[in-house]
Amino acid sequence: MAQIFMRVEEVAEELGVSIPYAYKLIKRLNDELAATGCITIAGRIDRKFFHEKFYGTRGEKNGSVQG
């Protein structure tokens, strides 16, 4: 079962960006979530929200992104 949150290392690897840039992306996404009243965790992002924002999907099935 996949973890609910992605850590910064996973975000950096998936997007092919540096760790510092991944932190900036996560902060931006977390700021967007916080504006809707969600509680966020620094350095982590909700997996479903991440995939929705970057790939236009709501989740994963069998480890592959559905689109």
PDB file of N, CA and C in Angstrom:
ATOM      1  N   MET A   1       0.842  -1.188   0.000  1.00  0.00           N
ATOM      2  CA  MET A   1       0.000   0.000   0.000  1.00  0.00           C
ATOM      3  C   MET A   1       0.883   1.246   0.000  1.00  0.00           C
ATOM      4  N   ALA A   2       0.549   2.190  -0.853  1.00  0.00           N
ATOM      5  CA  ALA A   2       1.336   3.415  -0.964  1.00  0.00           C
ATOM      6  C   ALA A   2       1.105   4.318   0.243  1.00  0.00           C
ATOM      7  N   GLN A   3       2.127   5.053   0.610  1.00  0.00           N
ATOM      8  CA  GLN A   3       2.025   6.023   1.689  1.00  0.00           C
ATOM      9  C   GLN A   3       1.132   7.181   1.234  1.00  0.00           C
ATOM     10  N   ILE A   4       0.432   7.798   2.182  1.00  0.00           N
ATOM     11  CA  ILE A   4      -0.444   8.922   1.861  1.00  0.00           C
ATOM     12  C   ILE A   4       0.375  10.130   1.411  1.00  0.00           C
ATOM     13  N   PHE A   5       1.523  10.354   2.079  1.00  0.00           N
ATOM     14  CA  PHE A   5       2.341  11.521   1.773  1.00  0.00           C
ATOM     15  C   PHE A   5       3.605  11.140   1.024  1.00  0.00           C
ATOM     16  N   MET A   6       4.010  12.031   0.128  1.00  0.00           N
ATOM     17  CA  MET A   6       5.292  11.898  -0.552  1.00  0.00           C
ATOM     18  C   MET A   6       6.289  12.773   0.189  1.00  0.00           C
ATOM     19  N   ARG A   7       7.491  12.254   0.383  1.00  0.00           N
ATOM     20  CA  ARG A   7       8.564  13.045   0.988  1.00  0.00           C
ATOM     21  C   ARG A   7       9.323  13.773  -0.117  1.00  0.00           C
ATOM     22  N   VAL A   8      10.119  14.734   0.290  1.00  0.00           N
ATOM     23  CA  VAL A   8      10.809  15.590  -0.669  1.00  0.00           C
ATOM     24  C   VAL A   8      11.704  14.786  -1.616  1.00  0.00           C
ATOM     25  N   GLU A   9      12.354  13.740  -1.113  1.00  0.00           N
ATOM     26  CA  GLU A   9      13.232  12.940  -1.968  1.00  0.00           C
ATOM     27  C   GLU A   9      12.448  12.268  -3.098  1.00  0.00           C
ATOM     28  N   GLU A  10      11.261  11.794  -2.776  1.00  0.00           N
ATOM     29  CA  GLU A  10      10.431  11.139  -3.782  1.00  0.00           C
ATOM     30  C   GLU A  10       9.930  12.137  -4.832  1.00  0.00           C
ATOM     31  N   VAL A  11       9.548  13.323  -4.383  1.00  0.00           N
ATOM     32  CA  VAL A  11       9.111  14.371  -5.310  1.00  0.00           C
ATOM     33  C   VAL A  11      10.257  14.746  -6.255  1.00  0.00           C
ATOM     34  N   ALA A  12      11.450  14.947  -5.686  1.00  0.00           N
ATOM     35  CA  ALA A  12      12.615  15.315  -6.499  1.00  0.00           C
ATOM     36  C   ALA A  12      12.916  14.240  -7.537  1.00  0.00           C
ATOM     37  N   GLU A  13      12.869  12.984  -7.116  1.00  0.00           N
ATOM     38  CA  GLU A  13      13.168  11.888  -8.040  1.00  0.00           C
ATOM     39  C   GLU A  13      12.108  11.777  -9.132  1.00  0.00           C
ATOM     40  N   GLU A  14      10.851  11.867  -8.764  1.00  0.00           N
ATOM     41  CA  GLU A  14       9.774  11.721  -9.745  1.00  0.00           C
ATOM     42  C   GLU A  14       9.788  12.825 -10.793  1.00  0.00           C
ATOM     43  N   LEU A  15      10.128  14.048 -10.356  1.00  0.00           N
ATOM     44  CA  LEU A  15      10.123  15.178 -11.282  1.00  0.00           C
ATOM     45  C   LEU A  15      11.491  15.443 -11.914  1.00  0.00           C
ATOM     46  N   GLY A  16      12.526  14.786 -11.410  1.00  0.00           N
ATOM     47  CA  GLY A  16      13.871  14.999 -11.947  1.00  0.00           C
ATOM     48  C   GLY A  16      14.418  16.369 -11.605  1.00  0.00           C
ATOM     49  N   VAL A  17      14.128  16.829 -10.382  1.00  0.00           N
ATOM     50  CA  VAL A  17      14.606  18.137  -9.942  1.00  0.00           C
ATOM     51  C   VAL A  17      15.456  17.973  -8.689  1.00  0.00           C
ATOM     52  N   SER A  18      16.113  19.061  -8.281  1.00  0.00           N
ATOM     53  CA  SER A  18      16.952  19.019  -7.079  1.00  0.00           C
ATOM     54  C   SER A  18      16.084  18.983  -5.818  1.00  0.00           C
ATOM     55  N   ILE A  19      16.694  18.559  -4.723  1.00  0.00           N
ATOM     56  CA  ILE A  19      16.005  18.528  -3.430  1.00  0.00           C
ATOM     57  C   ILE A  19      15.543  19.945  -3.034  1.00  0.00           C
ATOM     58  N   PRO A  20      16.399  20.978  -3.131  1.00  0.00           N
ATOM     59  CA  PRO A  20      15.930  22.324  -2.758  1.00  0.00           C
ATOM     60  C   PRO A  20      14.734  22.792  -3.603  1.00  0.00           C
ATOM     61  N   TYR A  21      14.749  22.466  -4.893  1.00  0.00           N
ATOM     62  CA  TYR A  21      13.627  22.866  -5.737  1.00  0.00           C
ATOM     63  C   TYR A  21      12.368  22.078  -5.371  1.00  0.00           C
ATOM     64  N   ALA A  22      12.528  20.817  -5.040  1.00  0.00           N
ATOM     65  CA  ALA A  22      11.389  19.998  -4.613  1.00  0.00           C
ATOM     66  C   ALA A  22      10.770  20.587  -3.351  1.00  0.00           C
ATOM     67  N   TYR A  23      11.601  21.076  -2.420  1.00  0.00           N
ATOM     68  CA  TYR A  23      11.077  21.739  -1.222  1.00  0.00           C
ATOM     69  C   TYR A  23      10.229  22.957  -1.607  1.00  0.00           C
ATOM     70  N   LYS A  24      10.695  23.739  -2.576  1.00  0.00           N
ATOM     71  CA  LYS A  24       9.943  24.916  -3.014  1.00  0.00           C
ATOM     72  C   LYS A  24       8.600  24.514  -3.611  1.00  0.00           C
ATOM     73  N   LEU A  25       8.599  23.457  -4.417  1.00  0.00           N
ATOM     74  CA  LEU A  25       7.349  22.981  -5.011  1.00  0.00           C
ATOM     75  C   LEU A  25       6.375  22.495  -3.942  1.00  0.00           C
ATOM     76  N   ILE A  26       6.896  21.730  -2.988  1.00  0.00           N
ATOM     77  CA  ILE A  26       6.047  21.214  -1.913  1.00  0.00           C
ATOM     78  C   ILE A  26       5.470  22.365  -1.100  1.00  0.00           C
ATOM     79  N   LYS A  27       6.293  23.377  -0.804  1.00  0.00           N
ATOM     80  CA  LYS A  27       5.790  24.528  -0.046  1.00  0.00           C
ATOM     81  C   LYS A  27       4.675  25.216  -0.816  1.00  0.00           C
ATOM     82  N   ARG A  28       4.854  25.388  -2.104  1.00  0.00           N
ATOM     83  CA  ARG A  28       3.818  26.036  -2.930  1.00  0.00           C
ATOM     84  C   ARG A  28       2.519  25.231  -2.917  1.00  0.00           C
ATOM     85  N   LEU A  29       2.633  23.918  -3.073  1.00  0.00           N
ATOM     86  CA  LEU A  29       1.448  23.070  -3.047  1.00  0.00           C
ATOM     87  C   LEU A  29       0.802  23.061  -1.662  1.00  0.00           C
ATOM     88  N   ASN A  30       1.620  23.014  -0.613  1.00  0.00           N
ATOM     89  CA  ASN A  30       1.088  23.034   0.746  1.00  0.00           C
ATOM     90  C   ASN A  30       0.404  24.369   1.061  1.00  0.00           C
ATOM     91  N   ASP A  31       0.934  25.466   0.543  1.00  0.00           N
ATOM     92  CA  ASP A  31       0.292  26.763   0.733  1.00  0.00           C
ATOM     93  C   ASP A  31      -1.096  26.759   0.089  1.00  0.00           C
ATOM     94  N   GLU A  32      -1.198  26.141  -1.080  1.00  0.00           N
ATOM     95  CA  GLU A  32      -2.483  26.040  -1.766  1.00  0.00           C
ATOM     96  C   GLU A  32      -3.473  25.195  -0.952  1.00  0.00           C
ATOM     97  N   LEU A  33      -2.987  24.084  -0.403  1.00  0.00           N
ATOM     98  CA  LEU A  33      -3.843  23.240   0.435  1.00  0.00           C
ATOM     99  C   LEU A  33      -4.253  23.966   1.714  1.00  0.00           C
ATOM    100  N   ALA A  34      -3.317  24.673   2.329  1.00  0.00           N
ATOM    101  CA  ALA A  34      -3.603  25.385   3.578  1.00  0.00           C
ATOM    102  C   ALA A  34      -4.675  26.457   3.359  1.00  0.00           C
ATOM    103  N   ALA A  35      -4.677  27.075   2.192  1.00  0.00           N
ATOM    104  CA  ALA A  35      -5.669  28.105   1.886  1.00  0.00           C
ATOM    105  C   ALA A  35      -7.083  27.528   1.846  1.00  0.00           C
ATOM    106  N   THR A  36      -7.208  26.217   1.648  1.00  0.00           N
ATOM    107  CA  THR A  36      -8.529  25.575   1.630  1.00  0.00           C
ATOM    108  C   THR A  36      -8.911  25.042   3.005  1.00  0.00           C
ATOM    109  N   GLY A  37      -8.022  25.261   3.989  1.00  0.00           N
ATOM    110  CA  GLY A  37      -8.310  24.817   5.347  1.00  0.00           C
ATOM    111  C   GLY A  37      -7.681  23.490   5.722  1.00  0.00           C
ATOM    112  N   CYS A  38      -6.919  22.898   4.824  1.00  0.00           N
ATOM    113  CA  CYS A  38      -6.258  21.620   5.113  1.00  0.00           C
ATOM    114  C   CYS A  38      -5.046  21.837   6.010  1.00  0.00           C
ATOM    115  N   ILE A  39      -4.750  20.849   6.823  1.00  0.00           N
ATOM    116  CA  ILE A  39      -3.528  20.854   7.628  1.00  0.00           C
ATOM    117  C   ILE A  39      -2.428  20.237   6.781  1.00  0.00           C
ATOM    118  N   THR A  40      -1.264  20.858   6.765  1.00  0.00           N
ATOM    119  CA  THR A  40      -0.155  20.372   5.953  1.00  0.00           C
ATOM    120  C   THR A  40       1.049  20.037   6.833  1.00  0.00           C
ATOM    121  N   ILE A  41       1.983  19.287   6.262  1.00  0.00           N
ATOM    122  CA  ILE A  41       3.219  18.919   6.943  1.00  0.00           C
ATOM    123  C   ILE A  41       4.376  19.402   6.077  1.00  0.00           C
ATOM    124  N   ALA A  42       5.259  20.196   6.662  1.00  0.00           N
ATOM    125  CA  ALA A  42       6.402  20.726   5.916  1.00  0.00           C
ATOM    126  C   ALA A  42       7.252  19.592   5.361  1.00  0.00           C
ATOM    127  N   GLY A  43       7.639  19.705   4.095  1.00  0.00           N
ATOM    128  CA  GLY A  43       8.496  18.706   3.468  1.00  0.00           C
ATOM    129  C   GLY A  43       7.762  17.471   2.979  1.00  0.00           C
ATOM    130  N   ARG A  44       6.433  17.465   3.090  1.00  0.00           N
ATOM    131  CA  ARG A  44       5.631  16.342   2.602  1.00  0.00           C
ATOM    132  C   ARG A  44       4.405  16.890   1.891  1.00  0.00           C
ATOM    133  N   ILE A  45       3.933  16.132   0.908  1.00  0.00           N
ATOM    134  CA  ILE A  45       2.751  16.544   0.160  1.00  0.00           C
ATOM    135  C   ILE A  45       1.837  15.342  -0.032  1.00  0.00           C
ATOM    136  N   ASP A  46       0.542  15.587   0.033  1.00  0.00           N
ATOM    137  CA  ASP A  46      -0.430  14.531  -0.197  1.00  0.00           C
ATOM    138  C   ASP A  46      -0.224  13.951  -1.599  1.00  0.00           C
ATOM    139  N   ARG A  47      -0.086  12.646  -1.682  1.00  0.00           N
ATOM    140  CA  ARG A  47       0.210  11.961  -2.942  1.00  0.00           C
ATOM    141  C   ARG A  47      -0.861  12.207  -4.007  1.00  0.00           C
ATOM    142  N   LYS A  48      -2.120  12.111  -3.628  1.00  0.00           N
ATOM    143  CA  LYS A  48      -3.208  12.301  -4.595  1.00  0.00           C
ATOM    144  C   LYS A  48      -3.235  13.732  -5.112  1.00  0.00           C
ATOM    145  N   PHE A  49      -3.041  14.700  -4.210  1.00  0.00           N
ATOM    146  CA  PHE A  49      -3.024  16.103  -4.613  1.00  0.00           C
ATOM    147  C   PHE A  49      -1.852  16.367  -5.555  1.00  0.00           C
ATOM    148  N   PHE A  50      -0.689  15.815  -5.239  1.00  0.00           N
ATOM    149  CA  PHE A  50       0.495  15.968  -6.091  1.00  0.00           C
ATOM    150  C   PHE A  50       0.206  15.471  -7.502  1.00  0.00           C
ATOM    151  N   HIS A  51      -0.333  14.252  -7.615  1.00  0.00           N
ATOM    152  CA  HIS A  51      -0.599  13.683  -8.937  1.00  0.00           C
ATOM    153  C   HIS A  51      -1.683  14.452  -9.676  1.00  0.00           C
ATOM    154  N   GLU A  52      -2.657  14.962  -8.946  1.00  0.00           N
ATOM    155  CA  GLU A  52      -3.706  15.762  -9.574  1.00  0.00           C
ATOM    156  C   GLU A  52      -3.122  17.045 -10.164  1.00  0.00           C
ATOM    157  N   LYS A  53      -2.251  17.701  -9.406  1.00  0.00           N
ATOM    158  CA  LYS A  53      -1.675  18.963  -9.859  1.00  0.00           C
ATOM    159  C   LYS A  53      -0.680  18.787 -11.002  1.00  0.00           C
ATOM    160  N   PHE A  54       0.121  17.724 -10.968  1.00  0.00           N
ATOM    161  CA  PHE A  54       1.152  17.547 -11.993  1.00  0.00           C
ATOM    162  C   PHE A  54       0.708  16.719 -13.181  1.00  0.00           C
ATOM    163  N   TYR A  55      -0.220  15.825 -12.984  1.00  0.00           N
ATOM    164  CA  TYR A  55      -0.604  14.914 -14.068  1.00  0.00           C
ATOM    165  C   TYR A  55      -2.092  14.958 -14.388  1.00  0.00           C
ATOM    166  N   GLY A  56      -2.863  15.755 -13.651  1.00  0.00           N
ATOM    167  CA  GLY A  56      -4.289  15.857 -13.899  1.00  0.00           C
ATOM    168  C   GLY A  56      -5.058  14.610 -13.521  1.00  0.00           C
ATOM    169  N   THR A  57      -4.518  13.836 -12.574  1.00  0.00           N
ATOM    170  CA  THR A  57      -5.176  12.612 -12.128  1.00  0.00           C
ATOM    171  C   THR A  57      -5.489  12.710 -10.656  1.00  0.00           C
ATOM    172  N   ARG A  58      -6.335  11.831 -10.185  1.00  0.00           N
ATOM    173  CA  ARG A  58      -6.716  11.839  -8.776  1.00  0.00           C
ATOM    174  C   ARG A  58      -6.062  10.730  -7.992  1.00  0.00           C
ATOM    175  N   GLY A  59      -5.350   9.823  -8.608  1.00  0.00           N
ATOM    176  CA  GLY A  59      -4.734   8.746  -7.839  1.00  0.00           C
ATOM    177  C   GLY A  59      -3.936   7.800  -8.704  1.00  0.00           C
ATOM    178  N   GLU A  60      -3.480   6.742  -8.077  1.00  0.00           N
ATOM    179  CA  GLU A  60      -2.684   5.730  -8.745  1.00  0.00           C
ATOM    180  C   GLU A  60      -3.397   4.397  -8.639  1.00  0.00           C
ATOM    181  N   LYS A  61      -3.119   3.511  -9.587  1.00  0.00           N
ATOM    182  CA  LYS A  61      -3.648   2.165  -9.538  1.00  0.00           C
ATOM    183  C   LYS A  61      -2.531   1.232  -9.974  1.00  0.00           C
ATOM    184  N   ASN A  62      -2.230   0.262  -9.138  1.00  0.00           N
ATOM    185  CA  ASN A  62      -1.173  -0.714  -9.426  1.00  0.00           C
ATOM    186  C   ASN A  62       0.169  -0.041  -9.709  1.00  0.00           C
ATOM    187  N   GLY A  63       0.435   1.074  -9.024  1.00  0.00           N
ATOM    188  CA  GLY A  63       1.733   1.713  -9.130  1.00  0.00           C
ATOM    189  C   GLY A  63       1.924   2.605 -10.347  1.00  0.00           C
ATOM    190  N   SER A  64       0.939   2.654 -11.237  1.00  0.00           N
ATOM    191  CA  SER A  64       1.082   3.511 -12.413  1.00  0.00           C
ATOM    192  C   SER A  64       0.050   4.627 -12.352  1.00  0.00           C
ATOM    193  N   VAL A  65       0.411   5.770 -12.856  1.00  0.00           N
ATOM    194  CA  VAL A  65      -0.485   6.914 -12.833  1.00  0.00           C
ATOM    195  C   VAL A  65      -1.547   6.723 -13.915  1.00  0.00           C
ATOM    196  N   GLN A  66      -2.787   6.939 -13.542  1.00  0.00           N
ATOM    197  CA  GLN A  66      -3.884   6.827 -14.483  1.00  0.00           C
ATOM    198  C   GLN A  66      -4.122   8.191 -15.118  1.00  0.00           C
ATOM    199  N   GLY A  67      -4.402   8.230 -16.414  1.00  0.00           N
ATOM    200  CA  GLY A  67      -4.601   9.520 -17.045  1.00  0.00           C
ATOM    201  C   GLY A  67      -5.574   9.521 -18.140  1.00  0.00           C
TER     202      GLY A  67
END
